[in-house]
């Protein structure tokens, strides 16, 4: 049986350089996750 984990989340707004966001998007797509869930991989 698998277990669904729901880690505690906090809503924050961050300003990041566009180049960094693009690089993070590439990594997220390679891992087949959303950018929001990239930290949980």
PDB file of N, CA and C in Angstrom:
ATOM      1  N   UNK A   1       0.847  -1.171   0.000  1.00  0.00           N
ATOM      2  CA  UNK A   1       0.000   0.000   0.000  1.00  0.00           C
ATOM      3  C   UNK A   1       0.895   1.238   0.000  1.00  0.00           C
ATOM      4  N   UNK A   2       0.528   2.216  -0.804  1.00  0.00           N
ATOM      5  CA  UNK A   2       1.335   3.423  -0.833  1.00  0.00           C
ATOM      6  C   UNK A   2       0.749   4.479   0.090  1.00  0.00           C
ATOM      7  N   UNK A   3       1.607   5.384   0.528  1.00  0.00           N
ATOM      8  CA  UNK A   3       1.193   6.420   1.463  1.00  0.00           C
ATOM      9  C   UNK A   3       1.346   7.792   0.802  1.00  0.00           C
ATOM     10  N   UNK A   4       0.315   8.596   0.860  1.00  0.00           N
ATOM     11  CA  UNK A   4       0.362   9.947   0.316  1.00  0.00           C
ATOM     12  C   UNK A   4       0.871  10.880   1.407  1.00  0.00           C
ATOM     13  N   UNK A   5       1.966  11.562   1.112  1.00  0.00           N
ATOM     14  CA  UNK A   5       2.484  12.507   2.101  1.00  0.00           C
ATOM     15  C   UNK A   5       2.092  13.921   1.687  1.00  0.00           C
ATOM     16  N   UNK A   6       1.723  14.705   2.649  1.00  0.00           N
ATOM     17  CA  UNK A   6       1.353  16.099   2.404  1.00  0.00           C
ATOM     18  C   UNK A   6       2.214  16.979   3.300  1.00  0.00           C
ATOM     19  N   UNK A   7       3.392  17.357   2.804  1.00  0.00           N
ATOM     20  CA  UNK A   7       4.247  18.204   3.629  1.00  0.00           C
ATOM     21  C   UNK A   7       3.611  19.575   3.838  1.00  0.00           C
ATOM     22  N   UNK A   8       3.952  20.203   4.934  1.00  0.00           N
ATOM     23  CA  UNK A   8       3.438  21.541   5.221  1.00  0.00           C
ATOM     24  C   UNK A   8       3.954  22.519   4.169  1.00  0.00           C
ATOM     25  N   UNK A   9       3.073  23.354   3.651  1.00  0.00           N
ATOM     26  CA  UNK A   9       3.436  24.329   2.626  1.00  0.00           C
ATOM     27  C   UNK A   9       3.163  25.737   3.137  1.00  0.00           C
ATOM     28  N   UNK A  10       3.953  26.673   2.657  1.00  0.00           N
ATOM     29  CA  UNK A  10       3.781  28.081   2.994  1.00  0.00           C
ATOM     30  C   UNK A  10       3.751  28.864   1.686  1.00  0.00           C
ATOM     31  N   UNK A  11       2.764  29.739   1.526  1.00  0.00           N
ATOM     32  CA  UNK A  11       2.685  30.575   0.328  1.00  0.00           C
ATOM     33  C   UNK A  11       3.585  31.791   0.489  1.00  0.00           C
ATOM     34  N   UNK A  12       4.502  31.949  -0.443  1.00  0.00           N
ATOM     35  CA  UNK A  12       5.402  33.108  -0.464  1.00  0.00           C
ATOM     36  C   UNK A  12       5.582  33.532  -1.918  1.00  0.00           C
ATOM     37  N   UNK A  13       5.900  34.785  -2.126  1.00  0.00           N
ATOM     38  CA  UNK A  13       6.207  35.285  -3.461  1.00  0.00           C
ATOM     39  C   UNK A  13       7.694  35.603  -3.506  1.00  0.00           C
ATOM     40  N   UNK A  14       8.378  35.028  -4.482  1.00  0.00           N
ATOM     41  CA  UNK A  14       9.803  35.265  -4.651  1.00  0.00           C
ATOM     42  C   UNK A  14      10.053  35.868  -6.020  1.00  0.00           C
ATOM     43  N   UNK A  15      10.965  36.780  -6.081  1.00  0.00           N
ATOM     44  CA  UNK A  15      11.406  37.333  -7.364  1.00  0.00           C
ATOM     45  C   UNK A  15      12.757  36.695  -7.668  1.00  0.00           C
ATOM     46  N   UNK A  16      12.824  36.059  -8.847  1.00  0.00           N
ATOM     47  CA  UNK A  16      14.055  35.395  -9.252  1.00  0.00           C
ATOM     48  C   UNK A  16      14.401  35.825 -10.665  1.00  0.00           C
ATOM     49  N   UNK A  17      15.670  35.792 -11.008  1.00  0.00           N
ATOM     50  CA  UNK A  17      16.057  36.114 -12.379  1.00  0.00           C
ATOM     51  C   UNK A  17      15.392  35.143 -13.362  1.00  0.00           C
ATOM     52  N   UNK A  18      14.982  35.662 -14.515  1.00  0.00           N
ATOM     53  CA  UNK A  18      14.294  34.850 -15.520  1.00  0.00           C
ATOM     54  C   UNK A  18      15.143  33.645 -15.935  1.00  0.00           C
ATOM     55  N   UNK A  19      16.457  33.828 -16.045  1.00  0.00           N
ATOM     56  CA  UNK A  19      17.338  32.725 -16.448  1.00  0.00           C
ATOM     57  C   UNK A  19      17.286  31.579 -15.435  1.00  0.00           C
ATOM     58  N   UNK A  20      17.257  31.902 -14.157  1.00  0.00           N
ATOM     59  CA  UNK A  20      17.174  30.874 -13.123  1.00  0.00           C
ATOM     60  C   UNK A  20      15.857  30.114 -13.219  1.00  0.00           C
ATOM     61  N   UNK A  21      14.763  30.828 -13.431  1.00  0.00           N
ATOM     62  CA  UNK A  21      13.454  30.184 -13.549  1.00  0.00           C
ATOM     63  C   UNK A  21      13.432  29.251 -14.756  1.00  0.00           C
ATOM     64  N   UNK A  22      14.007  29.677 -15.868  1.00  0.00           N
ATOM     65  CA  UNK A  22      14.068  28.817 -17.057  1.00  0.00           C
ATOM     66  C   UNK A  22      14.868  27.550 -16.771  1.00  0.00           C
ATOM     67  N   UNK A  23      15.989  27.688 -16.084  1.00  0.00           N
ATOM     68  CA  UNK A  23      16.810  26.517 -15.759  1.00  0.00           C
ATOM     69  C   UNK A  23      16.058  25.571 -14.828  1.00  0.00           C
ATOM     70  N   UNK A  24      15.347  26.131 -13.852  1.00  0.00           N
ATOM     71  CA  UNK A  24      14.552  25.302 -12.946  1.00  0.00           C
ATOM     72  C   UNK A  24      13.434  24.589 -13.698  1.00  0.00           C
ATOM     73  N   UNK A  25      12.815  25.269 -14.664  1.00  0.00           N
ATOM     74  CA  UNK A  25      11.776  24.640 -15.476  1.00  0.00           C
ATOM     75  C   UNK A  25      12.325  23.456 -16.267  1.00  0.00           C
ATOM     76  N   UNK A  26      13.520  23.599 -16.806  1.00  0.00           N
ATOM     77  CA  UNK A  26      14.145  22.507 -17.555  1.00  0.00           C
ATOM     78  C   UNK A  26      14.363  21.301 -16.644  1.00  0.00           C
ATOM     79  N   UNK A  27      14.870  21.552 -15.450  1.00  0.00           N
ATOM     80  CA  UNK A  27      15.097  20.467 -14.489  1.00  0.00           C
ATOM     81  C   UNK A  27      13.773  19.821 -14.091  1.00  0.00           C
ATOM     82  N   UNK A  28      12.760  20.632 -13.827  1.00  0.00           N
ATOM     83  CA  UNK A  28      11.448  20.101 -13.438  1.00  0.00           C
ATOM     84  C   UNK A  28      10.868  19.225 -14.544  1.00  0.00           C
ATOM     85  N   UNK A  29      10.962  19.675 -15.783  1.00  0.00           N
ATOM     86  CA  UNK A  29      10.448  18.877 -16.899  1.00  0.00           C
ATOM     87  C   UNK A  29      11.212  17.569 -17.031  1.00  0.00           C
ATOM     88  N   UNK A  30      12.521  17.606 -16.835  1.00  0.00           N
ATOM     89  CA  UNK A  30      13.330  16.387 -16.924  1.00  0.00           C
ATOM     90  C   UNK A  30      12.938  15.391 -15.840  1.00  0.00           C
ATOM     91  N   UNK A  31      12.519  15.905 -14.680  1.00  0.00           N
ATOM     92  CA  UNK A  31      12.104  15.050 -13.566  1.00  0.00           C
ATOM     93  C   UNK A  31      10.616  14.708 -13.622  1.00  0.00           C
ATOM     94  N   UNK A  32       9.921  15.273 -14.620  1.00  0.00           N
ATOM     95  CA  UNK A  32       8.480  15.047 -14.807  1.00  0.00           C
ATOM     96  C   UNK A  32       7.670  15.472 -13.583  1.00  0.00           C
ATOM     97  N   UNK A  33       8.022  16.642 -13.052  1.00  0.00           N
ATOM     98  CA  UNK A  33       7.282  17.236 -11.938  1.00  0.00           C
ATOM     99  C   UNK A  33       7.037  18.707 -12.258  1.00  0.00           C
ATOM    100  N   UNK A  34       6.137  19.319 -11.514  1.00  0.00           N
ATOM    101  CA  UNK A  34       5.909  20.750 -11.689  1.00  0.00           C
ATOM    102  C   UNK A  34       7.032  21.526 -11.010  1.00  0.00           C
ATOM    103  N   UNK A  35       7.180  22.757 -11.404  1.00  0.00           N
ATOM    104  CA  UNK A  35       8.191  23.605 -10.773  1.00  0.00           C
ATOM    105  C   UNK A  35       7.908  23.742  -9.282  1.00  0.00           C
ATOM    106  N   UNK A  36       6.632  23.808  -8.901  1.00  0.00           N
ATOM    107  CA  UNK A  36       6.270  23.910  -7.484  1.00  0.00           C
ATOM    108  C   UNK A  36       6.719  22.692  -6.688  1.00  0.00           C
ATOM    109  N   UNK A  37       6.733  21.525  -7.311  1.00  0.00           N
ATOM    110  CA  UNK A  37       7.087  20.296  -6.605  1.00  0.00           C
ATOM    111  C   UNK A  37       8.549  19.909  -6.781  1.00  0.00           C
ATOM    112  N   UNK A  38       9.315  20.729  -7.426  1.00  0.00           N
ATOM    113  CA  UNK A  38      10.715  20.398  -7.696  1.00  0.00           C
ATOM    114  C   UNK A  38      11.500  20.155  -6.412  1.00  0.00           C
ATOM    115  N   UNK A  39      11.224  20.873  -5.371  1.00  0.00           N
ATOM    116  CA  UNK A  39      11.942  20.711  -4.109  1.00  0.00           C
ATOM    117  C   UNK A  39      11.663  19.401  -3.398  1.00  0.00           C
ATOM    118  N   UNK A  40      10.653  18.659  -3.850  1.00  0.00           N
ATOM    119  CA  UNK A  40      10.267  17.406  -3.195  1.00  0.00           C
ATOM    120  C   UNK A  40      10.786  16.178  -3.925  1.00  0.00           C
ATOM    121  N   UNK A  41      11.606  16.389  -4.957  1.00  0.00           N
ATOM    122  CA  UNK A  41      12.105  15.251  -5.742  1.00  0.00           C
ATOM    123  C   UNK A  41      13.303  14.654  -5.058  1.00  0.00           C
TER     124      UNK A  41
END
